[in-house]
Amino acid sequence: MEIVVATNNEHKLQEIEAICKSQNLNIKFVLPPKEFNPVEDGISFEENSYIKAKAANVLTHKYTLADDSGLCVKALNGAPGLYSNRFAGTQQEKIDKILKLLENKDDRSAKFVCVMTLLDEKGNVKFVANGECHGSIIREQKGVNGFGYDPVFLPNGKTLTLAELSEEEKNDISHRRNALIQVINFLKTLDK
């Protein structure tokens, strides 16, 4: 089976492949064609995930898997949420903005949210999964691994930020993993 991962983010594709390999799921994952450029104008992670999956499906007519994810900070009423990727210009500017907004906040609890949508070749929704990773935003960034807000996110029960963890350690607890494990378990039922 080949699944088109509805993203232009090579790192996200690699993360999905690594998690699937660790679960003994041998599926080939590919990126969509260069024309893939959906407008993420949904009002929820679920809607944006579906929009991306559908856009890749229309281009390829293959199984497609999309995720929409973001950082939700309690003291910011869930922001940046859906707008995590567009919260500021560069990755560093996003981190700087979060730290500035939380400068005088005591409650720094946050969570990463991931919603994955799997469509079949005909564009029918086969499965939807929700995954979360709970933690808090630290006061200064640490670590160089990962991407996005990883350098300021300290997962519950850990002493290292996501950016300080190895790829394997992050993949064991991430929001994307928590959603993807549900998708993997569903895909395994298709093989029977």
N, C-alpha and C. Protein backbone atom coordinates (compact mmCIF):
# COMPACT_ATOMS: atom_id res chain seq x y z
N MET A 1 0.84 -1.18 0.00
CA MET A 1 0.00 0.00 0.00
C MET A 1 0.88 1.24 0.00
N GLU A 2 0.44 2.25 -0.74
CA GLU A 2 1.13 3.54 -0.76
C GLU A 2 0.16 4.61 -0.28
N ILE A 3 0.63 5.44 0.61
CA ILE A 3 -0.20 6.52 1.15
C ILE A 3 0.48 7.85 0.87
N VAL A 4 -0.28 8.78 0.33
CA VAL A 4 0.21 10.13 0.10
C VAL A 4 0.02 10.92 1.39
N VAL A 5 1.10 11.47 1.91
CA VAL A 5 1.01 12.29 3.11
C VAL A 5 0.82 13.74 2.65
N ALA A 6 -0.31 14.29 2.98
CA ALA A 6 -0.72 15.61 2.48
C ALA A 6 0.03 16.73 3.20
N THR A 7 1.30 16.88 2.83
CA THR A 7 2.14 17.93 3.40
C THR A 7 3.25 18.27 2.41
N ASN A 8 3.80 19.44 2.56
CA ASN A 8 5.01 19.82 1.84
C ASN A 8 6.21 19.79 2.78
N ASN A 9 5.99 19.33 3.99
CA ASN A 9 7.00 19.32 5.04
C ASN A 9 7.70 17.96 5.06
N GLU A 10 8.90 17.91 4.52
CA GLU A 10 9.68 16.68 4.45
C GLU A 10 9.94 16.10 5.85
N HIS A 11 10.15 16.99 6.83
CA HIS A 11 10.42 16.53 8.20
C HIS A 11 9.21 15.78 8.77
N LYS A 12 8.02 16.27 8.47
CA LYS A 12 6.80 15.62 8.95
C LYS A 12 6.67 14.22 8.34
N LEU A 13 6.97 14.11 7.05
CA LEU A 13 6.94 12.82 6.36
C LEU A 13 7.91 11.84 7.02
N GLN A 14 9.12 12.30 7.32
CA GLN A 14 10.13 11.44 7.95
C GLN A 14 9.68 11.00 9.34
N GLU A 15 9.05 11.91 10.07
CA GLU A 15 8.56 11.58 11.41
C GLU A 15 7.49 10.50 11.33
N ILE A 16 6.57 10.63 10.39
CA ILE A 16 5.52 9.63 10.20
C ILE A 16 6.12 8.28 9.81
N GLU A 17 7.08 8.29 8.89
CA GLU A 17 7.73 7.04 8.47
C GLU A 17 8.43 6.36 9.64
N ALA A 18 9.13 7.14 10.46
CA ALA A 18 9.86 6.57 11.60
C ALA A 18 8.90 5.94 12.61
N ILE A 19 7.80 6.60 12.88
CA ILE A 19 6.84 6.06 13.83
C ILE A 19 6.21 4.78 13.29
N CYS A 20 5.85 4.79 12.00
CA CYS A 20 5.26 3.58 11.39
C CYS A 20 6.24 2.42 11.39
N LYS A 21 7.49 2.71 11.11
CA LYS A 21 8.52 1.65 11.10
C LYS A 21 8.66 1.05 12.50
N SER A 22 8.60 1.90 13.53
CA SER A 22 8.74 1.40 14.91
C SER A 22 7.54 0.53 15.30
N GLN A 23 6.44 0.65 14.57
CA GLN A 23 5.23 -0.15 14.84
C GLN A 23 5.09 -1.32 13.85
N ASN A 24 6.16 -1.60 13.12
CA ASN A 24 6.17 -2.69 12.14
C ASN A 24 5.08 -2.57 11.08
N LEU A 25 4.84 -1.34 10.66
CA LEU A 25 3.89 -1.10 9.58
C LEU A 25 4.68 -0.71 8.33
N ASN A 26 4.70 -1.59 7.36
CA ASN A 26 5.48 -1.36 6.16
C ASN A 26 4.61 -0.82 5.04
N ILE A 27 4.43 0.48 5.07
CA ILE A 27 3.67 1.18 4.05
C ILE A 27 4.59 2.22 3.45
N LYS A 28 4.48 2.41 2.15
CA LYS A 28 5.29 3.43 1.50
C LYS A 28 4.54 4.77 1.60
N PHE A 29 5.23 5.77 2.10
CA PHE A 29 4.66 7.11 2.20
C PHE A 29 5.34 8.01 1.19
N VAL A 30 4.54 8.82 0.50
CA VAL A 30 5.08 9.74 -0.50
C VAL A 30 4.46 11.12 -0.30
N LEU A 31 5.15 12.12 -0.81
CA LEU A 31 4.63 13.48 -0.78
C LEU A 31 3.69 13.68 -1.96
N PRO A 32 2.77 14.62 -1.86
CA PRO A 32 1.87 14.90 -2.99
C PRO A 32 2.61 15.63 -4.11
N PRO A 33 1.98 15.75 -5.28
CA PRO A 33 2.62 16.48 -6.39
C PRO A 33 2.88 17.94 -6.01
N LYS A 34 3.73 18.58 -6.80
CA LYS A 34 4.10 19.97 -6.54
C LYS A 34 2.91 20.92 -6.55
N GLU A 35 1.84 20.54 -7.23
CA GLU A 35 0.64 21.39 -7.31
C GLU A 35 -0.14 21.45 -5.99
N PHE A 36 0.23 20.60 -5.04
CA PHE A 36 -0.46 20.55 -3.76
C PHE A 36 -0.27 21.86 -3.00
N ASN A 37 -1.33 22.60 -2.82
CA ASN A 37 -1.26 23.88 -2.12
C ASN A 37 -2.65 24.25 -1.58
N PRO A 38 -3.17 23.46 -0.64
CA PRO A 38 -4.53 23.71 -0.15
C PRO A 38 -4.64 25.00 0.65
N VAL A 39 -5.81 25.58 0.65
CA VAL A 39 -6.11 26.74 1.48
C VAL A 39 -6.71 26.23 2.79
N GLU A 40 -5.95 26.38 3.85
CA GLU A 40 -6.38 25.89 5.16
C GLU A 40 -7.27 26.95 5.82
N ASP A 41 -8.53 26.97 5.43
CA ASP A 41 -9.44 27.98 5.95
C ASP A 41 -10.52 27.40 6.86
N GLY A 42 -10.26 26.21 7.38
CA GLY A 42 -11.19 25.59 8.31
C GLY A 42 -11.18 26.31 9.64
N ILE A 43 -12.18 26.00 10.46
CA ILE A 43 -12.26 26.64 11.78
C ILE A 43 -11.90 25.67 12.90
N SER A 44 -11.34 24.52 12.53
CA SER A 44 -10.89 23.54 13.52
C SER A 44 -9.75 22.73 12.93
N PHE A 45 -9.01 22.05 13.81
CA PHE A 45 -7.95 21.15 13.34
C PHE A 45 -8.56 20.08 12.44
N GLU A 46 -9.75 19.59 12.81
CA GLU A 46 -10.42 18.54 12.03
C GLU A 46 -10.70 19.01 10.60
N GLU A 47 -11.23 20.22 10.48
CA GLU A 47 -11.56 20.74 9.14
C GLU A 47 -10.30 20.93 8.30
N ASN A 48 -9.26 21.49 8.88
CA ASN A 48 -8.03 21.71 8.12
C ASN A 48 -7.37 20.40 7.72
N SER A 49 -7.44 19.41 8.60
CA SER A 49 -6.90 18.10 8.27
C SER A 49 -7.63 17.51 7.07
N TYR A 50 -8.95 17.61 7.09
CA TYR A 50 -9.75 17.10 5.97
C TYR A 50 -9.46 17.87 4.68
N ILE A 51 -9.36 19.19 4.76
CA ILE A 51 -9.07 20.02 3.58
C ILE A 51 -7.78 19.57 2.91
N LYS A 52 -6.75 19.33 3.71
CA LYS A 52 -5.45 18.91 3.16
C LYS A 52 -5.54 17.50 2.56
N ALA A 53 -6.20 16.59 3.28
CA ALA A 53 -6.34 15.22 2.77
C ALA A 53 -7.10 15.21 1.46
N LYS A 54 -8.17 15.97 1.38
CA LYS A 54 -8.99 16.02 0.17
C LYS A 54 -8.21 16.62 -1.00
N ALA A 55 -7.45 17.68 -0.75
CA ALA A 55 -6.66 18.31 -1.81
C ALA A 55 -5.64 17.34 -2.39
N ALA A 56 -4.98 16.57 -1.54
CA ALA A 56 -4.00 15.57 -2.03
C ALA A 56 -4.72 14.44 -2.75
N ASN A 57 -5.89 14.07 -2.25
CA ASN A 57 -6.66 12.99 -2.85
C ASN A 57 -7.14 13.35 -4.26
N VAL A 58 -7.58 14.57 -4.44
CA VAL A 58 -8.04 15.03 -5.75
C VAL A 58 -6.90 14.98 -6.77
N LEU A 59 -5.69 15.28 -6.32
CA LEU A 59 -4.53 15.27 -7.22
C LEU A 59 -4.03 13.86 -7.53
N THR A 60 -4.20 12.93 -6.59
CA THR A 60 -3.55 11.61 -6.74
C THR A 60 -4.50 10.44 -6.89
N HIS A 61 -5.71 10.55 -6.38
CA HIS A 61 -6.68 9.44 -6.35
C HIS A 61 -6.10 8.20 -5.66
N LYS A 62 -5.33 8.47 -4.60
CA LYS A 62 -4.74 7.42 -3.77
C LYS A 62 -5.16 7.64 -2.33
N TYR A 63 -4.89 6.64 -1.49
CA TYR A 63 -5.08 6.85 -0.06
C TYR A 63 -4.26 8.08 0.34
N THR A 64 -4.87 8.96 1.13
CA THR A 64 -4.16 10.15 1.58
C THR A 64 -4.31 10.29 3.09
N LEU A 65 -3.26 10.76 3.71
CA LEU A 65 -3.24 10.99 5.15
C LEU A 65 -2.79 12.42 5.38
N ALA A 66 -3.59 13.16 6.12
CA ALA A 66 -3.23 14.54 6.44
C ALA A 66 -3.33 14.75 7.94
N ASP A 67 -2.53 15.67 8.41
CA ASP A 67 -2.69 16.07 9.80
C ASP A 67 -2.73 17.58 9.87
N ASP A 68 -3.40 18.07 10.87
CA ASP A 68 -3.32 19.47 11.20
C ASP A 68 -3.00 19.51 12.68
N SER A 69 -2.04 20.30 13.01
CA SER A 69 -1.60 20.31 14.39
C SER A 69 -1.21 21.71 14.82
N GLY A 70 -1.12 21.88 16.11
CA GLY A 70 -0.73 23.18 16.63
C GLY A 70 -0.53 23.15 18.12
N LEU A 71 -0.01 24.26 18.59
CA LEU A 71 0.25 24.45 20.01
C LEU A 71 -0.88 25.27 20.60
N CYS A 72 -1.46 24.77 21.68
CA CYS A 72 -2.55 25.48 22.36
C CYS A 72 -2.09 25.81 23.78
N VAL A 73 -2.00 27.11 24.07
CA VAL A 73 -1.52 27.57 25.37
C VAL A 73 -2.70 28.07 26.20
N LYS A 74 -2.86 27.50 27.38
CA LYS A 74 -4.03 27.80 28.21
C LYS A 74 -4.14 29.29 28.53
N ALA A 75 -3.04 29.93 28.94
CA ALA A 75 -3.08 31.35 29.32
C ALA A 75 -3.36 32.27 28.14
N LEU A 76 -3.25 31.75 26.93
CA LEU A 76 -3.52 32.54 25.72
C LEU A 76 -4.84 32.10 25.09
N ASN A 77 -5.72 31.53 25.91
CA ASN A 77 -7.03 31.06 25.44
C ASN A 77 -6.93 30.09 24.26
N GLY A 78 -5.91 29.24 24.30
CA GLY A 78 -5.74 28.24 23.25
C GLY A 78 -4.90 28.70 22.07
N ALA A 79 -4.49 29.94 22.04
CA ALA A 79 -3.62 30.42 20.95
C ALA A 79 -2.23 29.84 21.14
N PRO A 80 -1.46 29.72 20.09
CA PRO A 80 -1.77 30.10 18.71
C PRO A 80 -2.70 29.12 18.00
N GLY A 81 -2.89 27.90 18.54
CA GLY A 81 -3.86 26.95 18.00
C GLY A 81 -3.77 26.74 16.51
N LEU A 82 -4.89 26.96 15.82
CA LEU A 82 -4.94 26.76 14.36
C LEU A 82 -3.90 27.60 13.62
N TYR A 83 -3.49 28.68 14.25
CA TYR A 83 -2.58 29.62 13.57
C TYR A 83 -1.13 29.43 14.01
N SER A 84 -0.80 28.27 14.58
CA SER A 84 0.54 28.03 15.08
C SER A 84 1.62 28.24 14.02
N ASN A 85 1.34 27.80 12.81
CA ASN A 85 2.32 27.93 11.74
C ASN A 85 2.41 29.35 11.20
N ARG A 86 1.34 30.12 11.38
CA ARG A 86 1.31 31.49 10.84
C ARG A 86 1.32 32.52 11.96
N PHE A 87 1.74 32.14 13.14
CA PHE A 87 1.70 32.99 14.33
C PHE A 87 2.69 34.15 14.24
N ALA A 88 3.78 33.91 13.53
CA ALA A 88 4.81 34.92 13.29
C ALA A 88 5.60 34.44 12.08
N GLY A 89 6.59 35.22 11.67
CA GLY A 89 7.34 34.90 10.46
C GLY A 89 8.18 33.64 10.56
N THR A 90 9.35 33.75 11.15
CA THR A 90 10.27 32.62 11.24
C THR A 90 9.97 31.79 12.48
N GLN A 91 10.58 30.60 12.54
CA GLN A 91 10.42 29.76 13.73
C GLN A 91 10.89 30.51 14.97
N GLN A 92 12.02 31.22 14.85
CA GLN A 92 12.52 31.96 16.01
C GLN A 92 11.55 33.06 16.43
N GLU A 93 10.95 33.73 15.47
CA GLU A 93 9.98 34.79 15.80
C GLU A 93 8.75 34.21 16.49
N LYS A 94 8.35 33.01 16.11
CA LYS A 94 7.21 32.35 16.76
C LYS A 94 7.54 32.07 18.23
N ILE A 95 8.73 31.53 18.45
CA ILE A 95 9.16 31.23 19.82
C ILE A 95 9.25 32.52 20.64
N ASP A 96 9.87 33.55 20.06
CA ASP A 96 10.02 34.82 20.76
C ASP A 96 8.66 35.41 21.13
N LYS A 97 7.68 35.30 20.23
CA LYS A 97 6.35 35.86 20.47
C LYS A 97 5.65 35.13 21.61
N ILE A 98 5.74 33.79 21.60
CA ILE A 98 5.13 33.01 22.69
C ILE A 98 5.76 33.39 24.03
N LEU A 99 7.08 33.45 24.07
CA LEU A 99 7.76 33.78 25.32
C LEU A 99 7.38 35.18 25.80
N LYS A 100 7.27 36.12 24.89
CA LYS A 100 6.90 37.50 25.25
C LYS A 100 5.47 37.54 25.81
N LEU A 101 4.53 36.86 25.13
CA LEU A 101 3.14 36.85 25.57
C LEU A 101 2.96 36.19 26.94
N LEU A 102 3.84 35.25 27.27
CA LEU A 102 3.74 34.54 28.55
C LEU A 102 4.66 35.11 29.63
N GLU A 103 5.33 36.19 29.31
CA GLU A 103 6.34 36.76 30.20
C GLU A 103 5.88 36.90 31.65
N ASN A 104 4.67 37.40 31.88
CA ASN A 104 4.18 37.62 33.24
C ASN A 104 3.09 36.64 33.64
N LYS A 105 3.04 35.49 32.99
CA LYS A 105 1.99 34.50 33.28
C LYS A 105 2.55 33.39 34.17
N ASP A 106 1.78 33.04 35.18
CA ASP A 106 2.17 31.92 36.05
C ASP A 106 1.75 30.59 35.45
N ASP A 107 0.54 30.55 34.88
CA ASP A 107 0.06 29.31 34.26
C ASP A 107 0.63 29.23 32.85
N ARG A 108 1.58 28.33 32.67
CA ARG A 108 2.25 28.19 31.37
C ARG A 108 1.90 26.84 30.72
N SER A 109 0.79 26.22 31.22
CA SER A 109 0.41 24.92 30.68
C SER A 109 0.00 25.04 29.21
N ALA A 110 0.32 24.00 28.47
CA ALA A 110 0.07 24.00 27.03
C ALA A 110 -0.05 22.56 26.56
N LYS A 111 -0.54 22.43 25.34
CA LYS A 111 -0.57 21.10 24.74
C LYS A 111 -0.40 21.24 23.24
N PHE A 112 0.23 20.23 22.66
CA PHE A 112 0.25 20.10 21.22
C PHE A 112 -0.92 19.21 20.85
N VAL A 113 -1.65 19.59 19.81
CA VAL A 113 -2.80 18.84 19.33
C VAL A 113 -2.53 18.42 17.89
N CYS A 114 -2.94 17.20 17.55
CA CYS A 114 -2.80 16.71 16.18
C CYS A 114 -4.08 15.95 15.82
N VAL A 115 -4.67 16.31 14.68
CA VAL A 115 -5.80 15.58 14.14
C VAL A 115 -5.38 15.02 12.79
N MET A 116 -5.54 13.72 12.60
CA MET A 116 -5.19 13.06 11.34
C MET A 116 -6.45 12.54 10.66
N THR A 117 -6.47 12.72 9.35
CA THR A 117 -7.60 12.24 8.54
C THR A 117 -7.06 11.35 7.44
N LEU A 118 -7.62 10.16 7.32
CA LEU A 118 -7.25 9.21 6.28
C LEU A 118 -8.41 9.07 5.30
N LEU A 119 -8.12 9.29 4.02
CA LEU A 119 -9.12 9.12 2.96
C LEU A 119 -8.72 7.95 2.07
N ASP A 120 -9.72 7.25 1.52
CA ASP A 120 -9.41 6.19 0.56
C ASP A 120 -9.25 6.78 -0.85
N GLU A 121 -9.02 5.91 -1.83
CA GLU A 121 -8.77 6.36 -3.20
C GLU A 121 -9.91 7.19 -3.77
N LYS A 122 -11.12 6.96 -3.30
CA LYS A 122 -12.29 7.67 -3.82
C LYS A 122 -12.60 8.94 -3.03
N GLY A 123 -11.77 9.24 -2.04
CA GLY A 123 -11.98 10.47 -1.27
C GLY A 123 -12.91 10.32 -0.08
N ASN A 124 -13.24 9.07 0.27
CA ASN A 124 -14.10 8.83 1.44
C ASN A 124 -13.26 8.85 2.71
N VAL A 125 -13.80 9.44 3.76
CA VAL A 125 -13.12 9.44 5.05
C VAL A 125 -13.15 8.02 5.60
N LYS A 126 -11.97 7.46 5.83
CA LYS A 126 -11.86 6.11 6.39
C LYS A 126 -11.62 6.14 7.89
N PHE A 127 -10.89 7.18 8.36
CA PHE A 127 -10.54 7.21 9.78
C PHE A 127 -10.09 8.62 10.16
N VAL A 128 -10.45 9.03 11.38
CA VAL A 128 -9.99 10.31 11.94
C VAL A 128 -9.46 10.03 13.34
N ALA A 129 -8.30 10.58 13.65
CA ALA A 129 -7.68 10.35 14.96
C ALA A 129 -7.26 11.68 15.58
N ASN A 130 -7.34 11.75 16.90
CA ASN A 130 -6.90 12.93 17.65
C ASN A 130 -5.81 12.51 18.62
N GLY A 131 -4.71 13.27 18.63
CA GLY A 131 -3.62 13.00 19.56
C GLY A 131 -3.19 14.27 20.25
N GLU A 132 -2.76 14.15 21.50
CA GLU A 132 -2.31 15.32 22.26
C GLU A 132 -1.04 14.98 23.02
N CYS A 133 -0.25 16.01 23.28
CA CYS A 133 0.93 15.91 24.14
C CYS A 133 0.87 17.11 25.08
N HIS A 134 0.73 16.83 26.38
CA HIS A 134 0.55 17.89 27.38
C HIS A 134 1.88 18.26 28.01
N GLY A 135 2.00 19.54 28.35
CA GLY A 135 3.21 20.02 28.98
C GLY A 135 3.08 21.48 29.35
N SER A 136 4.20 22.19 29.29
CA SER A 136 4.20 23.62 29.62
C SER A 136 5.27 24.33 28.80
N ILE A 137 5.13 25.64 28.75
CA ILE A 137 6.09 26.48 28.04
C ILE A 137 7.11 26.98 29.05
N ILE A 138 8.38 26.68 28.80
CA ILE A 138 9.44 27.12 29.70
C ILE A 138 9.78 28.59 29.40
N ARG A 139 10.61 29.18 30.23
CA ARG A 139 10.89 30.63 30.12
C ARG A 139 11.97 30.98 29.11
N GLU A 140 12.81 30.02 28.75
CA GLU A 140 13.82 30.28 27.71
C GLU A 140 14.06 29.00 26.92
N GLN A 141 14.31 29.16 25.65
CA GLN A 141 14.40 27.98 24.79
C GLN A 141 15.65 27.16 25.06
N LYS A 142 15.50 25.84 24.86
CA LYS A 142 16.59 24.89 25.07
C LYS A 142 16.50 23.80 24.02
N GLY A 143 17.63 23.43 23.46
CA GLY A 143 17.69 22.31 22.52
C GLY A 143 17.65 22.76 21.07
N VAL A 144 18.11 21.88 20.21
CA VAL A 144 18.21 22.21 18.77
C VAL A 144 17.53 21.18 17.88
N ASN A 145 17.00 20.11 18.47
CA ASN A 145 16.33 19.09 17.66
C ASN A 145 14.89 19.51 17.37
N GLY A 146 14.23 18.76 16.50
CA GLY A 146 12.83 19.02 16.22
C GLY A 146 12.63 20.28 15.40
N PHE A 147 11.44 20.85 15.53
CA PHE A 147 11.11 22.05 14.78
C PHE A 147 9.97 22.78 15.48
N GLY A 148 9.59 23.92 14.98
CA GLY A 148 8.48 24.67 15.56
C GLY A 148 8.75 25.12 16.97
N TYR A 149 7.81 24.83 17.85
CA TYR A 149 7.87 25.30 19.23
C TYR A 149 8.59 24.31 20.15
N ASP A 150 9.20 23.28 19.60
CA ASP A 150 9.86 22.24 20.40
C ASP A 150 10.85 22.79 21.44
N PRO A 151 11.64 23.85 21.13
CA PRO A 151 12.61 24.33 22.11
C PRO A 151 12.02 24.96 23.37
N VAL A 152 10.74 25.29 23.37
CA VAL A 152 10.13 25.91 24.57
C VAL A 152 9.05 25.03 25.19
N PHE A 153 8.86 23.83 24.66
CA PHE A 153 7.81 22.94 25.16
C PHE A 153 8.42 21.84 26.01
N LEU A 154 8.04 21.82 27.29
CA LEU A 154 8.49 20.80 28.23
C LEU A 154 7.34 19.83 28.47
N PRO A 155 7.43 18.60 27.94
CA PRO A 155 6.35 17.63 28.14
C PRO A 155 6.20 17.26 29.61
N ASN A 156 4.97 17.02 30.03
CA ASN A 156 4.72 16.58 31.41
C ASN A 156 5.55 15.33 31.71
N GLY A 157 6.16 15.32 32.88
CA GLY A 157 6.94 14.17 33.33
C GLY A 157 8.35 14.12 32.78
N LYS A 158 8.75 15.11 31.99
CA LYS A 158 10.10 15.14 31.40
C LYS A 158 10.90 16.29 31.99
N THR A 159 12.21 16.16 31.92
CA THR A 159 13.10 17.24 32.37
C THR A 159 13.77 17.93 31.18
N LEU A 160 13.48 17.44 29.98
CA LEU A 160 14.05 18.02 28.77
C LEU A 160 12.93 18.48 27.84
N THR A 161 13.19 19.56 27.09
CA THR A 161 12.22 20.03 26.11
C THR A 161 12.17 19.04 24.95
N LEU A 162 11.14 19.17 24.11
CA LEU A 162 11.05 18.32 22.92
C LEU A 162 12.29 18.48 22.05
N ALA A 163 12.87 19.69 22.03
CA ALA A 163 14.05 19.95 21.20
C ALA A 163 15.33 19.37 21.79
N GLU A 164 15.28 18.98 23.06
CA GLU A 164 16.44 18.34 23.69
C GLU A 164 16.37 16.82 23.61
N LEU A 165 15.19 16.30 23.33
CA LEU A 165 15.02 14.86 23.21
C LEU A 165 15.53 14.38 21.86
N SER A 166 15.93 13.11 21.79
CA SER A 166 16.29 12.53 20.50
C SER A 166 15.01 12.37 19.68
N GLU A 167 15.18 12.16 18.40
CA GLU A 167 14.02 11.95 17.51
C GLU A 167 13.18 10.77 18.01
N GLU A 168 13.86 9.69 18.44
CA GLU A 168 13.16 8.51 18.92
C GLU A 168 12.38 8.80 20.20
N GLU A 169 13.00 9.55 21.12
CA GLU A 169 12.32 9.89 22.39
C GLU A 169 11.10 10.77 22.13
N LYS A 170 11.26 11.73 21.23
CA LYS A 170 10.14 12.62 20.89
C LYS A 170 9.01 11.81 20.24
N ASN A 171 9.39 10.92 19.32
CA ASN A 171 8.38 10.12 18.63
C ASN A 171 7.63 9.18 19.55
N ASP A 172 8.17 8.92 20.73
CA ASP A 172 7.49 8.05 21.70
C ASP A 172 6.36 8.77 22.44
N ILE A 173 6.39 10.12 22.46
CA ILE A 173 5.41 10.85 23.27
C ILE A 173 4.65 11.94 22.51
N SER A 174 5.02 12.19 21.27
CA SER A 174 4.47 13.34 20.56
C SER A 174 2.98 13.22 20.25
N HIS A 175 2.36 14.35 20.05
CA HIS A 175 0.95 14.42 19.66
C HIS A 175 0.73 13.72 18.33
N ARG A 176 1.69 13.87 17.41
CA ARG A 176 1.57 13.22 16.10
C ARG A 176 1.62 11.71 16.27
N ARG A 177 2.50 11.22 17.14
CA ARG A 177 2.57 9.78 17.41
C ARG A 177 1.26 9.28 18.00
N ASN A 178 0.72 10.03 18.95
CA ASN A 178 -0.50 9.59 19.62
C ASN A 178 -1.67 9.48 18.65
N ALA A 179 -1.72 10.37 17.66
CA ALA A 179 -2.76 10.26 16.63
C ALA A 179 -2.40 9.15 15.64
N LEU A 180 -1.14 9.10 15.26
CA LEU A 180 -0.70 8.14 14.23
C LEU A 180 -0.85 6.69 14.70
N ILE A 181 -0.62 6.42 15.96
CA ILE A 181 -0.79 5.05 16.48
C ILE A 181 -2.22 4.58 16.23
N GLN A 182 -3.19 5.47 16.41
CA GLN A 182 -4.58 5.11 16.14
C GLN A 182 -4.79 4.80 14.66
N VAL A 183 -4.17 5.60 13.79
CA VAL A 183 -4.26 5.37 12.34
C VAL A 183 -3.60 4.04 11.99
N ILE A 184 -2.42 3.79 12.57
CA ILE A 184 -1.69 2.54 12.30
C ILE A 184 -2.55 1.33 12.70
N ASN A 185 -3.15 1.40 13.87
CA ASN A 185 -3.99 0.28 14.32
C ASN A 185 -5.16 0.07 13.37
N PHE A 186 -5.70 1.15 12.83
CA PHE A 186 -6.77 1.01 11.84
C PHE A 186 -6.24 0.41 10.56
N LEU A 187 -5.08 0.86 10.08
CA LEU A 187 -4.51 0.33 8.84
C LEU A 187 -4.20 -1.15 8.97
N LYS A 188 -3.81 -1.59 10.14
CA LYS A 188 -3.51 -3.02 10.34
C LYS A 188 -4.77 -3.86 10.19
N THR A 189 -5.93 -3.29 10.47
CA THR A 189 -7.18 -4.05 10.29
C THR A 189 -7.50 -4.22 8.81
N LEU A 190 -7.00 -3.33 7.97
CA LEU A 190 -7.25 -3.43 6.52
C LEU A 190 -6.47 -4.57 5.90
N ASP A 191 -5.34 -4.94 6.54
CA ASP A 191 -4.49 -6.01 6.00
C ASP A 191 -5.07 -7.39 6.26
N LYS A 192 -6.02 -7.50 7.17
CA LYS A 192 -6.54 -8.82 7.58
C LYS A 192 -7.52 -9.36 6.57
